[in-house]
Structures are given as C-alpha cells and as structure tokens.
Amino acid sequence: MSPETCQEVPVWEPADLRRHLTEESEFFVRPAATYRAYADAKGRGDFGDSPQTQSLRIAAETGARLYGALAEWAEWATTVPPANF
C-alpha cells in the first residue's frame, strides 16, 4: 500500500478512550441484565415448559452471555494500554 492511499487513523487521548470504554461497558450491561432476567425466569419455568420456551431460554442465555462478554471486554480494555496511560 502506498503512502498516498493510507489514511491517518485518529488516536484517542487515554482519558477520552477510558471514558468511551466505560460508556461502552455500561451500554452492554443493560441488555445483558435484561436477557439474564428472561433466561432465569424461563429456567425457573415462569413461562411454562414447552419446547418453544426451552428454545427461547437458550436464545435469552445467548444474549446474556454475549452482551456480558462485550461489557467485560470494554471494562478490561480500560486497564491496559493505551487506555491506562
């Protein structure tokens, strides 16, 4: 790739990056908690015990784990360079 085709990538100041990552973590915590509540309710049988409910329980668990992992990653990223300079 020639220098003429490269675009400059903006670099975040560490404080701005930490703030952004903290906001990102907080953003993902909310849907993770919602999915967790549904998964737990379905696991307890609050919505019955049909094959459809069991399938939805798996889907809700997927959402809880996916959003939870994204929240944990963003929280972790605030502890390593360049965010922790």
N, C-alpha and C. Protein backbone atom coordinates (compact mmCIF):
# COMPACT_ATOMS: atom_id res chain seq x y z
N MET A 1 0.85 -1.17 0.00
CA MET A 1 0.00 0.00 0.00
C MET A 1 0.89 1.24 0.00
N SER A 2 0.62 2.14 -0.88
CA SER A 2 1.44 3.34 -0.97
C SER A 2 1.00 4.38 0.06
N PRO A 3 1.91 5.28 0.44
CA PRO A 3 1.56 6.32 1.42
C PRO A 3 0.40 7.20 0.97
N GLU A 4 0.22 7.34 -0.33
CA GLU A 4 -0.86 8.19 -0.84
C GLU A 4 -2.24 7.58 -0.56
N THR A 5 -2.31 6.25 -0.44
CA THR A 5 -3.60 5.60 -0.23
C THR A 5 -3.91 5.37 1.25
N CYS A 6 -2.94 5.58 2.11
CA CYS A 6 -3.16 5.38 3.55
C CYS A 6 -3.87 6.59 4.13
N GLN A 7 -4.81 6.32 5.01
CA GLN A 7 -5.49 7.40 5.70
C GLN A 7 -4.99 7.44 7.13
N GLU A 8 -4.89 8.65 7.65
CA GLU A 8 -4.45 8.80 9.03
C GLU A 8 -5.54 8.32 9.98
N VAL A 9 -5.18 7.51 10.94
CA VAL A 9 -6.11 7.00 11.93
C VAL A 9 -6.02 7.90 13.16
N PRO A 10 -7.15 8.44 13.60
CA PRO A 10 -7.10 9.31 14.78
C PRO A 10 -6.73 8.50 16.02
N VAL A 11 -5.94 9.10 16.87
CA VAL A 11 -5.53 8.46 18.12
C VAL A 11 -6.29 9.14 19.26
N TRP A 12 -6.84 8.34 20.13
CA TRP A 12 -7.61 8.86 21.26
C TRP A 12 -6.66 9.19 22.40
N GLU A 13 -6.96 10.23 23.10
CA GLU A 13 -6.27 10.51 24.35
C GLU A 13 -6.69 9.44 25.36
N PRO A 14 -5.79 9.00 26.24
CA PRO A 14 -6.14 7.94 27.19
C PRO A 14 -7.41 8.22 28.00
N ALA A 15 -7.57 9.44 28.48
CA ALA A 15 -8.76 9.76 29.29
C ALA A 15 -10.03 9.64 28.45
N ASP A 16 -9.98 10.11 27.20
CA ASP A 16 -11.14 10.00 26.31
C ASP A 16 -11.45 8.54 26.00
N LEU A 17 -10.41 7.74 25.78
CA LEU A 17 -10.59 6.33 25.50
C LEU A 17 -11.19 5.61 26.70
N ARG A 18 -10.71 5.89 27.90
CA ARG A 18 -11.28 5.28 29.11
C ARG A 18 -12.75 5.64 29.26
N ARG A 19 -13.08 6.90 29.04
CA ARG A 19 -14.47 7.35 29.14
C ARG A 19 -15.34 6.61 28.12
N HIS A 20 -14.86 6.52 26.89
CA HIS A 20 -15.62 5.82 25.85
C HIS A 20 -15.82 4.34 26.20
N LEU A 21 -14.76 3.69 26.66
CA LEU A 21 -14.86 2.27 27.01
C LEU A 21 -15.77 2.05 28.21
N THR A 22 -15.75 2.96 29.16
CA THR A 22 -16.65 2.86 30.31
C THR A 22 -18.09 2.99 29.86
N GLU A 23 -18.36 3.94 28.97
CA GLU A 23 -19.71 4.11 28.43
C GLU A 23 -20.13 2.87 27.64
N GLU A 24 -19.19 2.30 26.89
CA GLU A 24 -19.48 1.10 26.12
C GLU A 24 -19.82 -0.06 27.05
N SER A 25 -19.07 -0.23 28.12
CA SER A 25 -19.35 -1.29 29.09
C SER A 25 -20.73 -1.09 29.70
N GLU A 26 -21.04 0.12 30.11
CA GLU A 26 -22.35 0.41 30.70
C GLU A 26 -23.47 0.14 29.70
N PHE A 27 -23.23 0.46 28.42
CA PHE A 27 -24.22 0.21 27.38
C PHE A 27 -24.55 -1.28 27.29
N PHE A 28 -23.54 -2.14 27.33
CA PHE A 28 -23.75 -3.58 27.18
C PHE A 28 -24.27 -4.25 28.45
N VAL A 29 -24.07 -3.65 29.61
CA VAL A 29 -24.55 -4.22 30.86
C VAL A 29 -26.09 -4.27 30.88
N ARG A 30 -26.74 -3.24 30.36
CA ARG A 30 -28.21 -3.18 30.41
C ARG A 30 -28.85 -4.33 29.64
N PRO A 31 -28.53 -4.55 28.36
CA PRO A 31 -29.18 -5.69 27.69
C PRO A 31 -28.76 -7.03 28.28
N ALA A 32 -27.54 -7.14 28.77
CA ALA A 32 -27.11 -8.39 29.40
C ALA A 32 -28.01 -8.70 30.60
N ALA A 33 -28.30 -7.70 31.41
CA ALA A 33 -29.16 -7.90 32.58
C ALA A 33 -30.59 -8.27 32.17
N THR A 34 -31.08 -7.64 31.12
CA THR A 34 -32.43 -7.95 30.63
C THR A 34 -32.50 -9.39 30.14
N TYR A 35 -31.54 -9.77 29.30
CA TYR A 35 -31.52 -11.16 28.82
C TYR A 35 -31.34 -12.14 29.97
N ARG A 36 -30.51 -11.79 30.95
CA ARG A 36 -30.29 -12.67 32.11
C ARG A 36 -31.59 -12.87 32.87
N ALA A 37 -32.36 -11.79 33.06
CA ALA A 37 -33.63 -11.90 33.78
C ALA A 37 -34.60 -12.82 33.04
N TYR A 38 -34.68 -12.68 31.72
CA TYR A 38 -35.55 -13.57 30.94
C TYR A 38 -35.07 -15.02 31.00
N ALA A 39 -33.77 -15.22 30.85
CA ALA A 39 -33.23 -16.58 30.89
C ALA A 39 -33.51 -17.23 32.24
N ASP A 40 -33.31 -16.48 33.32
CA ASP A 40 -33.56 -17.02 34.65
C ASP A 40 -35.04 -17.34 34.84
N ALA A 41 -35.92 -16.44 34.38
CA ALA A 41 -37.36 -16.68 34.51
C ALA A 41 -37.78 -17.92 33.71
N LYS A 42 -37.26 -18.04 32.52
CA LYS A 42 -37.58 -19.21 31.70
C LYS A 42 -37.00 -20.47 32.33
N GLY A 43 -35.82 -20.38 32.91
CA GLY A 43 -35.21 -21.52 33.58
C GLY A 43 -36.00 -21.98 34.80
N ARG A 44 -36.64 -21.04 35.49
CA ARG A 44 -37.47 -21.37 36.66
C ARG A 44 -38.82 -21.95 36.24
N GLY A 45 -39.17 -21.79 34.96
CA GLY A 45 -40.47 -22.27 34.49
C GLY A 45 -41.56 -21.23 34.57
N ASP A 46 -41.21 -19.97 34.75
CA ASP A 46 -42.21 -18.90 34.85
C ASP A 46 -43.09 -18.79 33.62
N PHE A 47 -42.61 -19.29 32.48
CA PHE A 47 -43.37 -19.20 31.23
C PHE A 47 -43.81 -20.57 30.74
N GLY A 48 -43.82 -21.54 31.61
CA GLY A 48 -44.19 -22.89 31.21
C GLY A 48 -42.96 -23.71 30.85
N ASP A 49 -43.21 -24.89 30.29
CA ASP A 49 -42.12 -25.81 29.98
C ASP A 49 -42.31 -26.45 28.60
N SER A 50 -42.65 -25.64 27.63
CA SER A 50 -42.84 -26.16 26.27
C SER A 50 -41.51 -26.16 25.51
N PRO A 51 -41.44 -26.85 24.40
CA PRO A 51 -40.22 -26.80 23.58
C PRO A 51 -39.89 -25.37 23.13
N GLN A 52 -40.92 -24.58 22.86
CA GLN A 52 -40.69 -23.19 22.46
C GLN A 52 -40.05 -22.40 23.59
N THR A 53 -40.52 -22.59 24.81
CA THR A 53 -39.96 -21.89 25.96
C THR A 53 -38.52 -22.32 26.19
N GLN A 54 -38.26 -23.61 26.04
CA GLN A 54 -36.89 -24.09 26.20
C GLN A 54 -35.97 -23.48 25.15
N SER A 55 -36.46 -23.35 23.93
CA SER A 55 -35.69 -22.73 22.85
C SER A 55 -35.42 -21.25 23.16
N LEU A 56 -36.45 -20.56 23.63
CA LEU A 56 -36.28 -19.15 23.98
C LEU A 56 -35.32 -18.98 25.15
N ARG A 57 -35.29 -19.94 26.05
CA ARG A 57 -34.36 -19.90 27.18
C ARG A 57 -32.93 -19.93 26.67
N ILE A 58 -32.67 -20.77 25.66
CA ILE A 58 -31.33 -20.85 25.07
C ILE A 58 -30.98 -19.53 24.38
N ALA A 59 -31.94 -18.97 23.66
CA ALA A 59 -31.69 -17.69 22.97
C ALA A 59 -31.42 -16.57 23.98
N ALA A 60 -32.21 -16.53 25.06
CA ALA A 60 -32.00 -15.50 26.08
C ALA A 60 -30.65 -15.67 26.76
N GLU A 61 -30.26 -16.91 27.01
CA GLU A 61 -28.94 -17.17 27.61
C GLU A 61 -27.83 -16.71 26.68
N THR A 62 -28.02 -16.92 25.39
CA THR A 62 -27.03 -16.45 24.41
C THR A 62 -26.88 -14.94 24.50
N GLY A 63 -27.99 -14.22 24.54
CA GLY A 63 -27.94 -12.76 24.65
C GLY A 63 -27.25 -12.31 25.92
N ALA A 64 -27.59 -12.96 27.03
CA ALA A 64 -26.98 -12.59 28.31
C ALA A 64 -25.47 -12.78 28.27
N ARG A 65 -25.03 -13.90 27.72
CA ARG A 65 -23.59 -14.19 27.68
C ARG A 65 -22.86 -13.30 26.68
N LEU A 66 -23.48 -13.06 25.53
CA LEU A 66 -22.84 -12.22 24.50
C LEU A 66 -22.67 -10.79 25.00
N TYR A 67 -23.75 -10.19 25.46
CA TYR A 67 -23.66 -8.81 25.95
C TYR A 67 -22.80 -8.71 27.21
N GLY A 68 -22.86 -9.73 28.04
CA GLY A 68 -22.00 -9.75 29.22
C GLY A 68 -20.53 -9.77 28.84
N ALA A 69 -20.19 -10.58 27.83
CA ALA A 69 -18.80 -10.65 27.38
C ALA A 69 -18.34 -9.32 26.79
N LEU A 70 -19.21 -8.66 26.04
CA LEU A 70 -18.85 -7.35 25.48
C LEU A 70 -18.63 -6.32 26.59
N ALA A 71 -19.48 -6.35 27.61
CA ALA A 71 -19.32 -5.43 28.74
C ALA A 71 -18.01 -5.71 29.48
N GLU A 72 -17.71 -6.99 29.71
CA GLU A 72 -16.48 -7.35 30.40
C GLU A 72 -15.25 -6.95 29.59
N TRP A 73 -15.32 -7.13 28.26
CA TRP A 73 -14.19 -6.74 27.42
C TRP A 73 -13.94 -5.24 27.54
N ALA A 74 -14.98 -4.44 27.42
CA ALA A 74 -14.81 -2.98 27.48
C ALA A 74 -14.25 -2.56 28.84
N GLU A 75 -14.72 -3.22 29.89
CA GLU A 75 -14.19 -2.91 31.23
C GLU A 75 -12.71 -3.28 31.31
N TRP A 76 -12.35 -4.46 30.81
CA TRP A 76 -10.95 -4.89 30.80
C TRP A 76 -10.09 -3.92 29.99
N ALA A 77 -10.59 -3.48 28.85
CA ALA A 77 -9.81 -2.63 27.95
C ALA A 77 -9.41 -1.31 28.61
N THR A 78 -10.13 -0.88 29.64
CA THR A 78 -9.74 0.35 30.34
C THR A 78 -8.52 0.13 31.20
N THR A 79 -8.11 -1.12 31.42
CA THR A 79 -6.99 -1.41 32.33
C THR A 79 -5.67 -1.66 31.62
N VAL A 80 -5.67 -1.63 30.30
CA VAL A 80 -4.45 -1.92 29.53
C VAL A 80 -4.12 -0.75 28.61
N PRO A 81 -2.85 -0.63 28.18
CA PRO A 81 -2.52 0.45 27.25
C PRO A 81 -3.32 0.30 25.96
N PRO A 82 -3.71 1.37 25.35
CA PRO A 82 -3.37 2.77 25.64
C PRO A 82 -4.31 3.45 26.62
N ALA A 83 -5.35 2.78 27.09
CA ALA A 83 -6.33 3.45 27.93
C ALA A 83 -5.80 3.74 29.33
N ASN A 84 -4.82 3.01 29.80
CA ASN A 84 -4.40 3.21 31.19
C ASN A 84 -3.09 3.98 31.33
N PHE A 85 -2.72 4.73 30.32
CA PHE A 85 -1.51 5.57 30.44
C PHE A 85 -1.77 6.70 31.41
